[in-house]
Every structure is written in structure tokens, then in C-alpha cells.
Amino acid sequence: ADQQREARPVALTQLAPGDLVFFSRGSHRVDHVGIYAGSGLFIHARH
């Protein structure tokens, strides 16, 4: 949540490897983050 608040926003159409992608999985707040790897893939520690 803090990473999302402090990151410089990036349009999803402008994603580049190294950008962070933020998710809300069932709550009303950001509770998951991944690192965009390019080609529509991201790297994350799921659970």
C-alpha cells in the first residue's frame, strides 16, 4: 500500500520492466504487488 502511494503513477499501456503493478485481492486497499517483467508478465511472491 505504501509502495503504491509513493510510486510515480504509470499508465498500464506504458508499463516497462521494473515497474510495480498493484492489486487489491478482495479488500478495498492495495494488498499485493508484483514487478513487471515485460511481455505481459510480472514476478511476485504470491502466498
PDB file of all heavy atoms in Angstrom:
ATOM      1  N   ALA A   1       0.832  -1.212   0.000  1.00  0.00           N
ATOM      2  CA  ALA A   1       0.000   0.000   0.000  1.00  0.00           C
ATOM      3  C   ALA A   1       0.863   1.258   0.000  1.00  0.00           C
ATOM      4  O   ALA A   1       0.577   2.209  -0.742  1.00  0.00           O
ATOM      5  CB  ALA A   1      -0.946  -0.005   1.197  1.00  0.00           C
ATOM      6  N   ASP A   2       1.912   1.271   0.802  1.00  0.00           N
ATOM      7  CA  ASP A   2       2.807   2.437   0.832  1.00  0.00           C
ATOM      8  C   ASP A   2       3.592   2.563  -0.472  1.00  0.00           C
ATOM      9  O   ASP A   2       3.835   3.672  -0.952  1.00  0.00           O
ATOM     10  CB  ASP A   2       3.763   2.356   2.022  1.00  0.00           C
ATOM     11  CG  ASP A   2       3.080   2.613   3.351  1.00  0.00           C
ATOM     12  OD1 ASP A   2       1.970   3.181   3.362  1.00  0.00           O
ATOM     13  OD2 ASP A   2       3.665   2.234   4.387  1.00  0.00           O
ATOM     14  N   GLN A   3       3.986   1.442  -1.048  1.00  0.00           N
ATOM     15  CA  GLN A   3       4.680   1.482  -2.328  1.00  0.00           C
ATOM     16  C   GLN A   3       3.775   2.108  -3.392  1.00  0.00           C
ATOM     17  O   GLN A   3       4.212   2.957  -4.172  1.00  0.00           O
ATOM     18  CB  GLN A   3       5.120   0.072  -2.742  1.00  0.00           C
ATOM     19  CG  GLN A   3       6.233  -0.467  -1.873  1.00  0.00           C
ATOM     20  CD  GLN A   3       6.501  -1.945  -2.072  1.00  0.00           C
ATOM     21  OE1 GLN A   3       5.819  -2.632  -2.842  1.00  0.00           O
ATOM     22  NE2 GLN A   3       7.497  -2.463  -1.361  1.00  0.00           N
ATOM     23  N   GLN A   4       2.519   1.718  -3.405  1.00  0.00           N
ATOM     24  CA  GLN A   4       1.584   2.265  -4.387  1.00  0.00           C
ATOM     25  C   GLN A   4       1.385   3.764  -4.181  1.00  0.00           C
ATOM     26  O   GLN A   4       1.369   4.529  -5.139  1.00  0.00           O
ATOM     27  CB  GLN A   4       0.240   1.540  -4.319  1.00  0.00           C
ATOM     28  CG  GLN A   4      -0.655   1.893  -5.479  1.00  0.00           C
ATOM     29  CD  GLN A   4      -1.959   2.523  -5.073  1.00  0.00           C
ATOM     30  OE1 GLN A   4      -2.193   2.793  -3.897  1.00  0.00           O
ATOM     31  NE2 GLN A   4      -2.801   2.769  -6.043  1.00  0.00           N
ATOM     32  N   ARG A   5       1.254   4.187  -2.930  1.00  0.00           N
ATOM     33  CA  ARG A   5       1.043   5.608  -2.629  1.00  0.00           C
ATOM     34  C   ARG A   5       2.230   6.469  -3.063  1.00  0.00           C
ATOM     35  O   ARG A   5       2.055   7.593  -3.514  1.00  0.00           O
ATOM     36  CB  ARG A   5       0.793   5.809  -1.132  1.00  0.00           C
ATOM     37  CG  ARG A   5      -0.658   5.741  -0.744  1.00  0.00           C
ATOM     38  CD  ARG A   5      -0.893   6.214   0.685  1.00  0.00           C
ATOM     39  NE  ARG A   5      -0.286   5.357   1.692  1.00  0.00           N
ATOM     40  CZ  ARG A   5      -0.812   4.226   2.132  1.00  0.00           C
ATOM     41  NH1 ARG A   5      -1.957   3.803   1.650  1.00  0.00           N
ATOM     42  NH2 ARG A   5      -0.198   3.524   3.065  1.00  0.00           N
ATOM     43  N   GLU A   6       3.448   5.960  -2.901  1.00  0.00           N
ATOM     44  CA  GLU A   6       4.633   6.777  -3.156  1.00  0.00           C
ATOM     45  C   GLU A   6       5.220   6.628  -4.562  1.00  0.00           C
ATOM     46  O   GLU A   6       6.040   7.441  -4.978  1.00  0.00           O
ATOM     47  CB  GLU A   6       5.702   6.475  -2.105  1.00  0.00           C
ATOM     48  CG  GLU A   6       5.265   6.971  -0.731  1.00  0.00           C
ATOM     49  CD  GLU A   6       6.409   7.025   0.259  1.00  0.00           C
ATOM     50  OE1 GLU A   6       7.581   7.146  -0.161  1.00  0.00           O
ATOM     51  OE2 GLU A   6       6.124   6.940   1.453  1.00  0.00           O
ATOM     52  N   ALA A   7       4.797   5.622  -5.293  1.00  0.00           N
ATOM     53  CA  ALA A   7       5.322   5.428  -6.651  1.00  0.00           C
ATOM     54  C   ALA A   7       4.776   6.498  -7.588  1.00  0.00           C
ATOM     55  O   ALA A   7       3.670   7.003  -7.405  1.00  0.00           O
ATOM     56  CB  ALA A   7       4.928   4.047  -7.165  1.00  0.00           C
ATOM     57  N   ARG A   8       5.556   6.824  -8.592  1.00  0.00           N
ATOM     58  CA  ARG A   8       5.090   7.721  -9.648  1.00  0.00           C
ATOM     59  C   ARG A   8       4.143   6.902 -10.536  1.00  0.00           C
ATOM     60  O   ARG A   8       4.532   5.854 -11.063  1.00  0.00           O
ATOM     61  CB  ARG A   8       6.280   8.231 -10.458  1.00  0.00           C
ATOM     62  CG  ARG A   8       5.924   9.362 -11.405  1.00  0.00           C
ATOM     63  CD  ARG A   8       7.155  10.015 -12.033  1.00  0.00           C
ATOM     64  NE  ARG A   8       7.868   9.116 -12.940  1.00  0.00           N
ATOM     65  CZ  ARG A   8       9.031   8.534 -12.690  1.00  0.00           C
ATOM     66  NH1 ARG A   8       9.670   8.747 -11.551  1.00  0.00           N
ATOM     67  NH2 ARG A   8       9.596   7.746 -13.571  1.00  0.00           N
ATOM     68  N   PRO A   9       2.897   7.328 -10.697  1.00  0.00           N
ATOM     69  CA  PRO A   9       1.932   6.545 -11.493  1.00  0.00           C
ATOM     70  C   PRO A   9       2.406   6.332 -12.926  1.00  0.00           C
ATOM     71  O   PRO A   9       3.027   7.208 -13.529  1.00  0.00           O
ATOM     72  CB  PRO A   9       0.672   7.407 -11.464  1.00  0.00           C
ATOM     73  CG  PRO A   9       0.818   8.272 -10.253  1.00  0.00           C
ATOM     74  CD  PRO A   9       2.289   8.539 -10.136  1.00  0.00           C
ATOM     75  N   VAL A  10       2.103   5.154 -13.435  1.00  0.00           N
ATOM     76  CA  VAL A  10       2.430   4.793 -14.810  1.00  0.00           C
ATOM     77  C   VAL A  10       1.163   4.223 -15.439  1.00  0.00           C
ATOM     78  O   VAL A  10       0.503   3.359 -14.841  1.00  0.00           O
ATOM     79  CB  VAL A  10       3.546   3.719 -14.841  1.00  0.00           C
ATOM     80  CG1 VAL A  10       3.775   3.199 -16.245  1.00  0.00           C
ATOM     81  CG2 VAL A  10       4.830   4.253 -14.254  1.00  0.00           C
ATOM     82  N   ALA A  11       0.826   4.696 -16.633  1.00  0.00           N
ATOM     83  CA  ALA A  11      -0.320   4.133 -17.354  1.00  0.00           C
ATOM     84  C   ALA A  11      -0.022   2.680 -17.697  1.00  0.00           C
ATOM     85  O   ALA A  11       1.119   2.332 -18.043  1.00  0.00           O
ATOM     86  CB  ALA A  11      -0.580   4.939 -18.621  1.00  0.00           C
ATOM     87  N   LEU A  12      -1.029   1.832 -17.612  1.00  0.00           N
ATOM     88  CA  LEU A  12      -0.827   0.416 -17.894  1.00  0.00           C
ATOM     89  C   LEU A  12      -0.334   0.200 -19.324  1.00  0.00           C
ATOM     90  O   LEU A  12       0.391  -0.762 -19.591  1.00  0.00           O
ATOM     91  CB  LEU A  12      -2.115  -0.360 -17.631  1.00  0.00           C
ATOM     92  CG  LEU A  12      -2.573  -0.351 -16.169  1.00  0.00           C
ATOM     93  CD1 LEU A  12      -3.905  -1.068 -16.031  1.00  0.00           C
ATOM     94  CD2 LEU A  12      -1.523  -0.974 -15.262  1.00  0.00           C
ATOM     95  N   THR A  13      -0.669   1.093 -20.218  1.00  0.00           N
ATOM     96  CA  THR A  13      -0.204   0.995 -21.600  1.00  0.00           C
ATOM     97  C   THR A  13       1.264   1.387 -21.737  1.00  0.00           C
ATOM     98  O   THR A  13       1.863   1.160 -22.787  1.00  0.00           O
ATOM     99  CB  THR A  13      -1.042   1.890 -22.527  1.00  0.00           C
ATOM    100  OG1 THR A  13      -0.975   3.238 -22.042  1.00  0.00           O
ATOM    101  CG2 THR A  13      -2.491   1.418 -22.561  1.00  0.00           C
ATOM    102  N   GLN A  14       1.843   1.967 -20.688  1.00  0.00           N
ATOM    103  CA  GLN A  14       3.236   2.420 -20.716  1.00  0.00           C
ATOM    104  C   GLN A  14       4.144   1.599 -19.797  1.00  0.00           C
ATOM    105  O   GLN A  14       5.256   2.028 -19.480  1.00  0.00           O
ATOM    106  CB  GLN A  14       3.310   3.903 -20.307  1.00  0.00           C
ATOM    107  CG  GLN A  14       2.525   4.827 -21.206  1.00  0.00           C
ATOM    108  CD  GLN A  14       3.054   4.812 -22.629  1.00  0.00           C
ATOM    109  OE1 GLN A  14       4.247   4.899 -22.860  1.00  0.00           O
ATOM    110  NE2 GLN A  14       2.149   4.684 -23.588  1.00  0.00           N
ATOM    111  N   LEU A  15       3.685   0.429 -19.362  1.00  0.00           N
ATOM    112  CA  LEU A  15       4.490  -0.404 -18.467  1.00  0.00           C
ATOM    113  C   LEU A  15       5.841  -0.749 -19.087  1.00  0.00           C
ATOM    114  O   LEU A  15       5.925  -1.070 -20.274  1.00  0.00           O
ATOM    115  CB  LEU A  15       3.761  -1.702 -18.148  1.00  0.00           C
ATOM    116  CG  LEU A  15       2.681  -1.640 -17.081  1.00  0.00           C
ATOM    117  CD1 LEU A  15       1.923  -2.964 -17.026  1.00  0.00           C
ATOM    118  CD2 LEU A  15       3.265  -1.300 -15.735  1.00  0.00           C
ATOM    119  N   ALA A  16       6.862  -0.698 -18.254  1.00  0.00           N
ATOM    120  CA  ALA A  16       8.213  -1.092 -18.653  1.00  0.00           C
ATOM    121  C   ALA A  16       8.756  -2.050 -17.597  1.00  0.00           C
ATOM    122  O   ALA A  16       8.354  -1.988 -16.429  1.00  0.00           O
ATOM    123  CB  ALA A  16       9.109   0.146 -18.754  1.00  0.00           C
ATOM    124  N   PRO A  17       9.659  -2.958 -17.988  1.00  0.00           N
ATOM    125  CA  PRO A  17      10.242  -3.855 -16.999  1.00  0.00           C
ATOM    126  C   PRO A  17      10.811  -3.072 -15.811  1.00  0.00           C
ATOM    127  O   PRO A  17      11.475  -2.053 -15.977  1.00  0.00           O
ATOM    128  CB  PRO A  17      11.354  -4.562 -17.786  1.00  0.00           C
ATOM    129  CG  PRO A  17      10.830  -4.562 -19.194  1.00  0.00           C
ATOM    130  CD  PRO A  17      10.162  -3.222 -19.340  1.00  0.00           C
ATOM    131  N   GLY A  18      10.491  -3.547 -14.623  1.00  0.00           N
ATOM    132  CA  GLY A  18      10.911  -2.880 -13.390  1.00  0.00           C
ATOM    133  C   GLY A  18       9.804  -2.082 -12.735  1.00  0.00           C
ATOM    134  O   GLY A  18       9.899  -1.754 -11.552  1.00  0.00           O
ATOM    135  N   ASP A  19       8.755  -1.750 -13.485  1.00  0.00           N
ATOM    136  CA  ASP A  19       7.615  -1.058 -12.882  1.00  0.00           C
ATOM    137  C   ASP A  19       6.910  -1.999 -11.911  1.00  0.00           C
ATOM    138  O   ASP A  19       6.969  -3.228 -12.059  1.00  0.00           O
ATOM    139  CB  ASP A  19       6.613  -0.611 -13.960  1.00  0.00           C
ATOM    140  CG  ASP A  19       7.119   0.549 -14.786  1.00  0.00           C
ATOM    141  OD1 ASP A  19       8.040   1.269 -14.346  1.00  0.00           O
ATOM    142  OD2 ASP A  19       6.588   0.737 -15.902  1.00  0.00           O
ATOM    143  N   LEU A  20       6.233  -1.427 -10.946  1.00  0.00           N
ATOM    144  CA  LEU A  20       5.463  -2.224  -9.999  1.00  0.00           C
ATOM    145  C   LEU A  20       4.001  -2.229 -10.423  1.00  0.00           C
ATOM    146  O   LEU A  20       3.475  -1.214 -10.881  1.00  0.00           O
ATOM    147  CB  LEU A  20       5.601  -1.654  -8.590  1.00  0.00           C
ATOM    148  CG  LEU A  20       7.019  -1.645  -8.020  1.00  0.00           C
ATOM    149  CD1 LEU A  20       7.015  -1.093  -6.594  1.00  0.00           C
ATOM    150  CD2 LEU A  20       7.641  -3.029  -8.054  1.00  0.00           C
ATOM    151  N   VAL A  21       3.355  -3.369 -10.268  1.00  0.00           N
ATOM    152  CA  VAL A  21       1.919  -3.493 -10.542  1.00  0.00           C
ATOM    153  C   VAL A  21       1.234  -3.837  -9.226  1.00  0.00           C
ATOM    154  O   VAL A  21       1.708  -4.687  -8.471  1.00  0.00           O
ATOM    155  CB  VAL A  21       1.635  -4.534 -11.643  1.00  0.00           C
ATOM    156  CG1 VAL A  21       2.003  -3.976 -13.011  1.00  0.00           C
ATOM    157  CG2 VAL A  21       2.366  -5.849 -11.410  1.00  0.00           C
ATOM    158  N   PHE A  22       0.133  -3.136  -8.961  1.00  0.00           N
ATOM    159  CA  PHE A  22      -0.528  -3.218  -7.660  1.00  0.00           C
ATOM    160  C   PHE A  22      -1.921  -3.818  -7.798  1.00  0.00           C
ATOM    161  O   PHE A  22      -2.659  -3.498  -8.733  1.00  0.00           O
ATOM    162  CB  PHE A  22      -0.627  -1.821  -7.045  1.00  0.00           C
ATOM    163  CG  PHE A  22       0.707  -1.177  -6.831  1.00  0.00           C
ATOM    164  CD1 PHE A  22       1.190  -0.228  -7.714  1.00  0.00           C
ATOM    165  CD2 PHE A  22       1.505  -1.529  -5.746  1.00  0.00           C
ATOM    166  CE1 PHE A  22       2.431   0.370  -7.534  1.00  0.00           C
ATOM    167  CE2 PHE A  22       2.743  -0.946  -5.553  1.00  0.00           C
ATOM    168  CZ  PHE A  22       3.214  -0.003  -6.438  1.00  0.00           C
ATOM    169  N   PHE A  23      -2.268  -4.650  -6.819  1.00  0.00           N
ATOM    170  CA  PHE A  23      -3.521  -5.383  -6.843  1.00  0.00           C
ATOM    171  C   PHE A  23      -4.273  -5.224  -5.527  1.00  0.00           C
ATOM    172  O   PHE A  23      -3.665  -5.035  -4.474  1.00  0.00           O
ATOM    173  CB  PHE A  23      -3.251  -6.880  -7.055  1.00  0.00           C
ATOM    174  CG  PHE A  23      -2.465  -7.171  -8.292  1.00  0.00           C
ATOM    175  CD1 PHE A  23      -1.079  -7.191  -8.253  1.00  0.00           C
ATOM    176  CD2 PHE A  23      -3.098  -7.419  -9.496  1.00  0.00           C
ATOM    177  CE1 PHE A  23      -0.331  -7.450  -9.396  1.00  0.00           C
ATOM    178  CE2 PHE A  23      -2.369  -7.680 -10.644  1.00  0.00           C
ATOM    179  CZ  PHE A  23      -0.981  -7.696 -10.591  1.00  0.00           C
ATOM    180  N   SER A  24      -5.583  -5.347  -5.624  1.00  0.00           N
ATOM    181  CA  SER A  24      -6.445  -5.422  -4.453  1.00  0.00           C
ATOM    182  C   SER A  24      -7.201  -6.740  -4.580  1.00  0.00           C
ATOM    183  O   SER A  24      -8.062  -6.886  -5.454  1.00  0.00           O
ATOM    184  CB  SER A  24      -7.412  -4.238  -4.427  1.00  0.00           C
ATOM    185  OG  SER A  24      -8.277  -4.342  -3.328  1.00  0.00           O
ATOM    186  N   ARG A  25      -6.869  -7.700  -3.724  1.00  0.00           N
ATOM    187  CA  ARG A  25      -7.417  -9.051  -3.842  1.00  0.00           C
ATOM    188  C   ARG A  25      -8.488  -9.298  -2.796  1.00  0.00           C
ATOM    189  O   ARG A  25      -8.288 -10.033  -1.843  1.00  0.00           O
ATOM    190  CB  ARG A  25      -6.309 -10.083  -3.697  1.00  0.00           C
ATOM    191  CG  ARG A  25      -5.193  -9.900  -4.703  1.00  0.00           C
ATOM    192  CD  ARG A  25      -4.065 -10.862  -4.485  1.00  0.00           C
ATOM    193  NE  ARG A  25      -3.538 -10.740  -3.123  1.00  0.00           N
ATOM    194  CZ  ARG A  25      -2.617 -11.542  -2.613  1.00  0.00           C
ATOM    195  NH1 ARG A  25      -2.124 -12.514  -3.332  1.00  0.00           N
ATOM    196  NH2 ARG A  25      -2.177 -11.369  -1.395  1.00  0.00           N
ATOM    197  N   GLY A  26      -9.627  -8.668  -2.974  1.00  0.00           N
ATOM    198  CA  GLY A  26     -10.736  -8.923  -2.077  1.00  0.00           C
ATOM    199  C   GLY A  26     -10.930  -7.888  -0.997  1.00  0.00           C
ATOM    200  O   GLY A  26     -11.907  -7.931  -0.268  1.00  0.00           O
ATOM    201  N   SER A  27     -10.008  -6.963  -0.866  1.00  0.00           N
ATOM    202  CA  SER A  27     -10.193  -5.882   0.092  1.00  0.00           C
ATOM    203  C   SER A  27     -10.346  -4.591  -0.698  1.00  0.00           C
ATOM    204  O   SER A  27     -10.298  -4.594  -1.924  1.00  0.00           O
ATOM    205  CB  SER A  27      -8.984  -5.781   1.032  1.00  0.00           C
ATOM    206  OG  SER A  27      -7.839  -5.382   0.312  1.00  0.00           O
ATOM    207  N   HIS A  28     -10.536  -3.516  -0.019  1.00  0.00           N
ATOM    208  CA  HIS A  28     -10.670  -2.231  -0.706  1.00  0.00           C
ATOM    209  C   HIS A  28      -9.366  -1.452  -0.682  1.00  0.00           C
ATOM    210  O   HIS A  28      -9.354  -0.256  -0.903  1.00  0.00           O
ATOM    211  CB  HIS A  28     -11.795  -1.406  -0.065  1.00  0.00           C
ATOM    212  CG  HIS A  28     -13.124  -2.053  -0.228  1.00  0.00           C
ATOM    213  ND1 HIS A  28     -13.755  -2.146  -1.444  1.00  0.00           N
ATOM    214  CD2 HIS A  28     -13.936  -2.664   0.656  1.00  0.00           C
ATOM    215  CE1 HIS A  28     -14.896  -2.772  -1.304  1.00  0.00           C
ATOM    216  NE2 HIS A  28     -15.027  -3.106  -0.031  1.00  0.00           N
ATOM    217  N   ARG A  29      -8.272  -2.147  -0.423  1.00  0.00           N
ATOM    218  CA  ARG A  29      -6.969  -1.491  -0.383  1.00  0.00           C
ATOM    219  C   ARG A  29      -5.974  -2.341  -1.153  1.00  0.00           C
ATOM    220  O   ARG A  29      -6.207  -3.523  -1.407  1.00  0.00           O
ATOM    221  CB  ARG A  29      -6.495  -1.319   1.054  1.00  0.00           C
ATOM    222  CG  ARG A  29      -6.325  -2.618   1.805  1.00  0.00           C
ATOM    223  CD  ARG A  29      -5.821  -2.428   3.231  1.00  0.00           C
ATOM    224  NE  ARG A  29      -5.688  -3.704   3.893  1.00  0.00           N
ATOM    225  CZ  ARG A  29      -4.666  -4.537   3.756  1.00  0.00           C
ATOM    226  NH1 ARG A  29      -3.664  -4.238   2.973  1.00  0.00           N
ATOM    227  NH2 ARG A  29      -4.630  -5.675   4.409  1.00  0.00           N
ATOM    228  N   VAL A  30      -4.882  -1.729  -1.548  1.00  0.00           N
ATOM    229  CA  VAL A  30      -3.826  -2.477  -2.229  1.00  0.00           C
ATOM    230  C   VAL A  30      -3.216  -3.452  -1.225  1.00  0.00           C
ATOM    231  O   VAL A  30      -2.803  -3.061  -0.135  1.00  0.00           O
ATOM    232  CB  VAL A  30      -2.765  -1.504  -2.796  1.00  0.00           C
ATOM    233  CG1 VAL A  30      -1.522  -2.254  -3.236  1.00  0.00           C
ATOM    234  CG2 VAL A  30      -3.352  -0.709  -3.941  1.00  0.00           C
ATOM    235  N   ASP A  31      -3.184  -4.729  -1.604  1.00  0.00           N
ATOM    236  CA  ASP A  31      -2.637  -5.741  -0.704  1.00  0.00           C
ATOM    237  C   ASP A  31      -1.697  -6.722  -1.409  1.00  0.00           C
ATOM    238  O   ASP A  31      -1.302  -7.732  -0.845  1.00  0.00           O
ATOM    239  CB  ASP A  31      -3.758  -6.496   0.002  1.00  0.00           C
ATOM    240  CG  ASP A  31      -4.700  -7.199  -0.956  1.00  0.00           C
ATOM    241  OD1 ASP A  31      -4.462  -7.171  -2.181  1.00  0.00           O
ATOM    242  OD2 ASP A  31      -5.687  -7.783  -0.490  1.00  0.00           O
ATOM    243  N   HIS A  32      -1.326  -6.389  -2.640  1.00  0.00           N
ATOM    244  CA  HIS A  32      -0.391  -7.253  -3.364  1.00  0.00           C
ATOM    245  C   HIS A  32       0.348  -6.419  -4.400  1.00  0.00           C
ATOM    246  O   HIS A  32      -0.216  -5.481  -4.973  1.00  0.00           O
ATOM    247  CB  HIS A  32      -1.141  -8.401  -4.047  1.00  0.00           C
ATOM    248  CG  HIS A  32      -0.231  -9.448  -4.611  1.00  0.00           C
ATOM    249  ND1 HIS A  32       0.615 -10.200  -3.838  1.00  0.00           N
ATOM    250  CD2 HIS A  32      -0.021  -9.852  -5.894  1.00  0.00           C
ATOM    251  CE1 HIS A  32       1.298 -11.037  -4.617  1.00  0.00           C
ATOM    252  NE2 HIS A  32       0.935 -10.843  -5.868  1.00  0.00           N
ATOM    253  N   VAL A  33       1.610  -6.770  -4.636  1.00  0.00           N
ATOM    254  CA  VAL A  33       2.450  -6.053  -5.610  1.00  0.00           C
ATOM    255  C   VAL A  33       3.314  -7.056  -6.351  1.00  0.00           C
ATOM    256  O   VAL A  33       3.719  -8.083  -5.793  1.00  0.00           O
ATOM    257  CB  VAL A  33       3.313  -4.961  -4.921  1.00  0.00           C
ATOM    258  CG1 VAL A  33       4.248  -5.566  -3.882  1.00  0.00           C
ATOM    259  CG2 VAL A  33       4.078  -4.132  -5.935  1.00  0.00           C
ATOM    260  N   GLY A  34       3.564  -6.760  -7.616  1.00  0.00           N
ATOM    261  CA  GLY A  34       4.474  -7.550  -8.419  1.00  0.00           C
ATOM    262  C   GLY A  34       5.393  -6.627  -9.200  1.00  0.00           C
ATOM    263  O   GLY A  34       5.151  -5.418  -9.282  1.00  0.00           O
ATOM    264  N   ILE A  35       6.433  -7.193  -9.777  1.00  0.00           N
ATOM    265  CA  ILE A  35       7.399  -6.436 -10.569  1.00  0.00           C
ATOM    266  C   ILE A  35       7.201  -6.814 -12.029  1.00  0.00           C
ATOM    267  O   ILE A  35       7.350  -7.993 -12.398  1.00  0.00           O
ATOM    268  CB  ILE A  35       8.844  -6.746 -10.121  1.00  0.00           C
ATOM    269  CG1 ILE A  35       9.023  -6.429  -8.636  1.00  0.00           C
ATOM    270  CG2 ILE A  35       9.843  -5.967 -10.971  1.00  0.00           C
ATOM    271  CD1 ILE A  35      10.322  -6.959  -8.041  1.00  0.00           C
ATOM    272  N   TYR A  36       6.858  -5.831 -12.848  1.00  0.00           N
ATOM    273  CA  TYR A  36       6.609  -6.102 -14.261  1.00  0.00           C
ATOM    274  C   TYR A  36       7.904  -6.558 -14.928  1.00  0.00           C
ATOM    275  O   TYR A  36       8.960  -5.967 -14.745  1.00  0.00           O
ATOM    276  CB  TYR A  36       6.057  -4.860 -14.952  1.00  0.00           C
ATOM    277  CG  TYR A  36       5.601  -5.129 -16.357  1.00  0.00           C
ATOM    278  CD1 TYR A  36       4.495  -5.952 -16.607  1.00  0.00           C
ATOM    279  CD2 TYR A  36       6.276  -4.599 -17.446  1.00  0.00           C
ATOM    280  CE1 TYR A  36       4.080  -6.228 -17.894  1.00  0.00           C
ATOM    281  CE2 TYR A  36       5.864  -4.871 -18.742  1.00  0.00           C
ATOM    282  CZ  TYR A  36       4.769  -5.686 -18.961  1.00  0.00           C
ATOM    283  OH  TYR A  36       4.355  -5.960 -20.243  1.00  0.00           O
ATOM    284  N   ALA A  37       7.809  -7.649 -15.707  1.00  0.00           N
ATOM    285  CA  ALA A  37       8.983  -8.239 -16.340  1.00  0.00           C
ATOM    286  C   ALA A  37       9.001  -8.034 -17.853  1.00  0.00           C
ATOM    287  O   ALA A  37       9.978  -8.388 -18.503  1.00  0.00           O
ATOM    288  CB  ALA A  37       9.038  -9.736 -16.026  1.00  0.00           C
ATOM    289  N   GLY A  38       7.953  -7.456 -18.400  1.00  0.00           N
ATOM    290  CA  GLY A  38       7.841  -7.291 -19.836  1.00  0.00           C
ATOM    291  C   GLY A  38       7.010  -8.405 -20.449  1.00  0.00           C
ATOM    292  O   GLY A  38       6.732  -9.432 -19.818  1.00  0.00           O
ATOM    293  N   SER A  39       6.572  -8.187 -21.689  1.00  0.00           N
ATOM    294  CA  SER A  39       5.792  -9.191 -22.442  1.00  0.00           C
ATOM    295  C   SER A  39       4.543  -9.655 -21.701  1.00  0.00           C
ATOM    296  O   SER A  39       4.139 -10.814 -21.823  1.00  0.00           O
ATOM    297  CB  SER A  39       6.667 -10.392 -22.810  1.00  0.00           C
ATOM    298  OG  SER A  39       7.766  -9.969 -23.575  1.00  0.00           O
ATOM    299  N   GLY A  40       3.953  -8.772 -20.886  1.00  0.00           N
ATOM    300  CA  GLY A  40       2.722  -9.110 -20.182  1.00  0.00           C
ATOM    301  C   GLY A  40       2.909  -9.969 -18.943  1.00  0.00           C
ATOM    302  O   GLY A  40       1.931 -10.435 -18.363  1.00  0.00           O
ATOM    303  N   LEU A  41       4.151 -10.168 -18.518  1.00  0.00           N
ATOM    304  CA  LEU A  41       4.438 -10.991 -17.341  1.00  0.00           C
ATOM    305  C   LEU A  41       4.896 -10.135 -16.176  1.00  0.00           C
ATOM    306  O   LEU A  41       5.486  -9.070 -16.376  1.00  0.00           O
ATOM    307  CB  LEU A  41       5.544 -12.001 -17.658  1.00  0.00           C
ATOM    308  CG  LEU A  41       5.272 -12.988 -18.776  1.00  0.00           C
ATOM    309  CD1 LEU A  41       6.519 -13.816 -19.050  1.00  0.00           C
ATOM    310  CD2 LEU A  41       4.089 -13.883 -18.436  1.00  0.00           C
ATOM    311  N   PHE A  42       4.645 -10.605 -14.961  1.00  0.00           N
ATOM    312  CA  PHE A  42       5.199  -9.969 -13.771  1.00  0.00           C
ATOM    313  C   PHE A  42       5.697 -11.047 -12.829  1.00  0.00           C
ATOM    314  O   PHE A  42       5.315 -12.216 -12.934  1.00  0.00           O
ATOM    315  CB  PHE A  42       4.194  -9.021 -13.105  1.00  0.00           C
ATOM    316  CG  PHE A  42       3.005  -9.690 -12.479  1.00  0.00           C
ATOM    317  CD1 PHE A  42       2.954  -9.933 -11.106  1.00  0.00           C
ATOM    318  CD2 PHE A  42       1.905 -10.050 -13.240  1.00  0.00           C
ATOM    319  CE1 PHE A  42       1.856 -10.533 -10.513  1.00  0.00           C
ATOM    320  CE2 PHE A  42       0.791 -10.648 -12.662  1.00  0.00           C
ATOM    321  CZ  PHE A  42       0.763 -10.894 -11.298  1.00  0.00           C
ATOM    322  N   ILE A  43       6.600 -10.645 -11.941  1.00  0.00           N
ATOM    323  CA  ILE A  43       7.206 -11.545 -10.964  1.00  0.00           C
ATOM    324  C   ILE A  43       6.679 -11.152  -9.595  1.00  0.00           C
ATOM    325  O   ILE A  43       6.632  -9.966  -9.268  1.00  0.00           O
ATOM    326  CB  ILE A  43       8.739 -11.433 -11.014  1.00  0.00           C
ATOM    327  CG1 ILE A  43       9.253 -11.842 -12.398  1.00  0.00           C
ATOM    328  CG2 ILE A  43       9.390 -12.281  -9.916  1.00  0.00           C
ATOM    329  CD1 ILE A  43      10.713 -11.519 -12.639  1.00  0.00           C
ATOM    330  N   HIS A  44       6.277 -12.157  -8.810  1.00  0.00           N
ATOM    331  CA  HIS A  44       5.728 -11.847  -7.491  1.00  0.00           C
ATOM    332  C   HIS A  44       5.908 -13.019  -6.541  1.00  0.00           C
ATOM    333  O   HIS A  44       6.219 -14.133  -6.948  1.00  0.00           O
ATOM    334  CB  HIS A  44       4.248 -11.462  -7.612  1.00  0.00           C
ATOM    335  CG  HIS A  44       3.355 -12.581  -8.064  1.00  0.00           C
ATOM    336  ND1 HIS A  44       2.071 -12.711  -7.630  1.00  0.00           N
ATOM    337  CD2 HIS A  44       3.545 -13.615  -8.926  1.00  0.00           C
ATOM    338  CE1 HIS A  44       1.499 -13.768  -8.183  1.00  0.00           C
ATOM    339  NE2 HIS A  44       2.373 -14.330  -8.979  1.00  0.00           N
ATOM    340  N   ALA A  45       5.735 -12.708  -5.265  1.00  0.00           N
ATOM    341  CA  ALA A  45       5.702 -13.713  -4.213  1.00  0.00           C
ATOM    342  C   ALA A  45       4.229 -13.833  -3.821  1.00  0.00           C
ATOM    343  O   ALA A  45       3.694 -12.965  -3.137  1.00  0.00           O
ATOM    344  CB  ALA A  45       6.564 -13.291  -3.031  1.00  0.00           C
ATOM    345  N   ARG A  46       3.583 -14.858  -4.306  1.00  0.00           N
ATOM    346  CA  ARG A  46       2.113 -14.949  -4.249  1.00  0.00           C
ATOM    347  C   ARG A  46       1.568 -15.245  -2.855  1.00  0.00           C
ATOM    348  O   ARG A  46       0.767 -14.500  -2.335  1.00  0.00           O
ATOM    349  CB  ARG A  46       1.650 -16.016  -5.230  1.00  0.00           C
ATOM    350  CG  ARG A  46       0.174 -16.093  -5.353  1.00  0.00           C
ATOM    351  CD  ARG A  46      -0.209 -17.001  -6.490  1.00  0.00           C
ATOM    352  NE  ARG A  46      -1.649 -17.145  -6.543  1.00  0.00           N
ATOM    353  CZ  ARG A  46      -2.242 -17.999  -7.318  1.00  0.00           C
ATOM    354  NH1 ARG A  46      -1.548 -18.789  -8.104  1.00  0.00           N
ATOM    355  NH2 ARG A  46      -3.556 -18.092  -7.305  1.00  0.00           N
ATOM    356  N   HIS A  47       1.932 -16.366  -2.294  1.00  0.00           N
ATOM    357  CA  HIS A  47       1.455 -16.731  -0.954  1.00  0.00           C
ATOM    358  C   HIS A  47       2.209 -17.951  -0.458  1.00  0.00           C
ATOM    359  O   HIS A  47       2.980 -18.573  -1.193  1.00  0.00           O
ATOM    360  CB  HIS A  47      -0.058 -16.957  -0.905  1.00  0.00           C
ATOM    361  CG  HIS A  47      -0.565 -18.037  -1.825  1.00  0.00           C
ATOM    362  ND1 HIS A  47      -0.314 -19.365  -1.624  1.00  0.00           N
ATOM    363  CD2 HIS A  47      -1.295 -17.956  -2.949  1.00  0.00           C
ATOM    364  CE1 HIS A  47      -0.885 -20.074  -2.576  1.00  0.00           C
ATOM    365  NE2 HIS A  47      -1.476 -19.250  -3.406  1.00  0.00           N
TER     366      HIS A  47
END
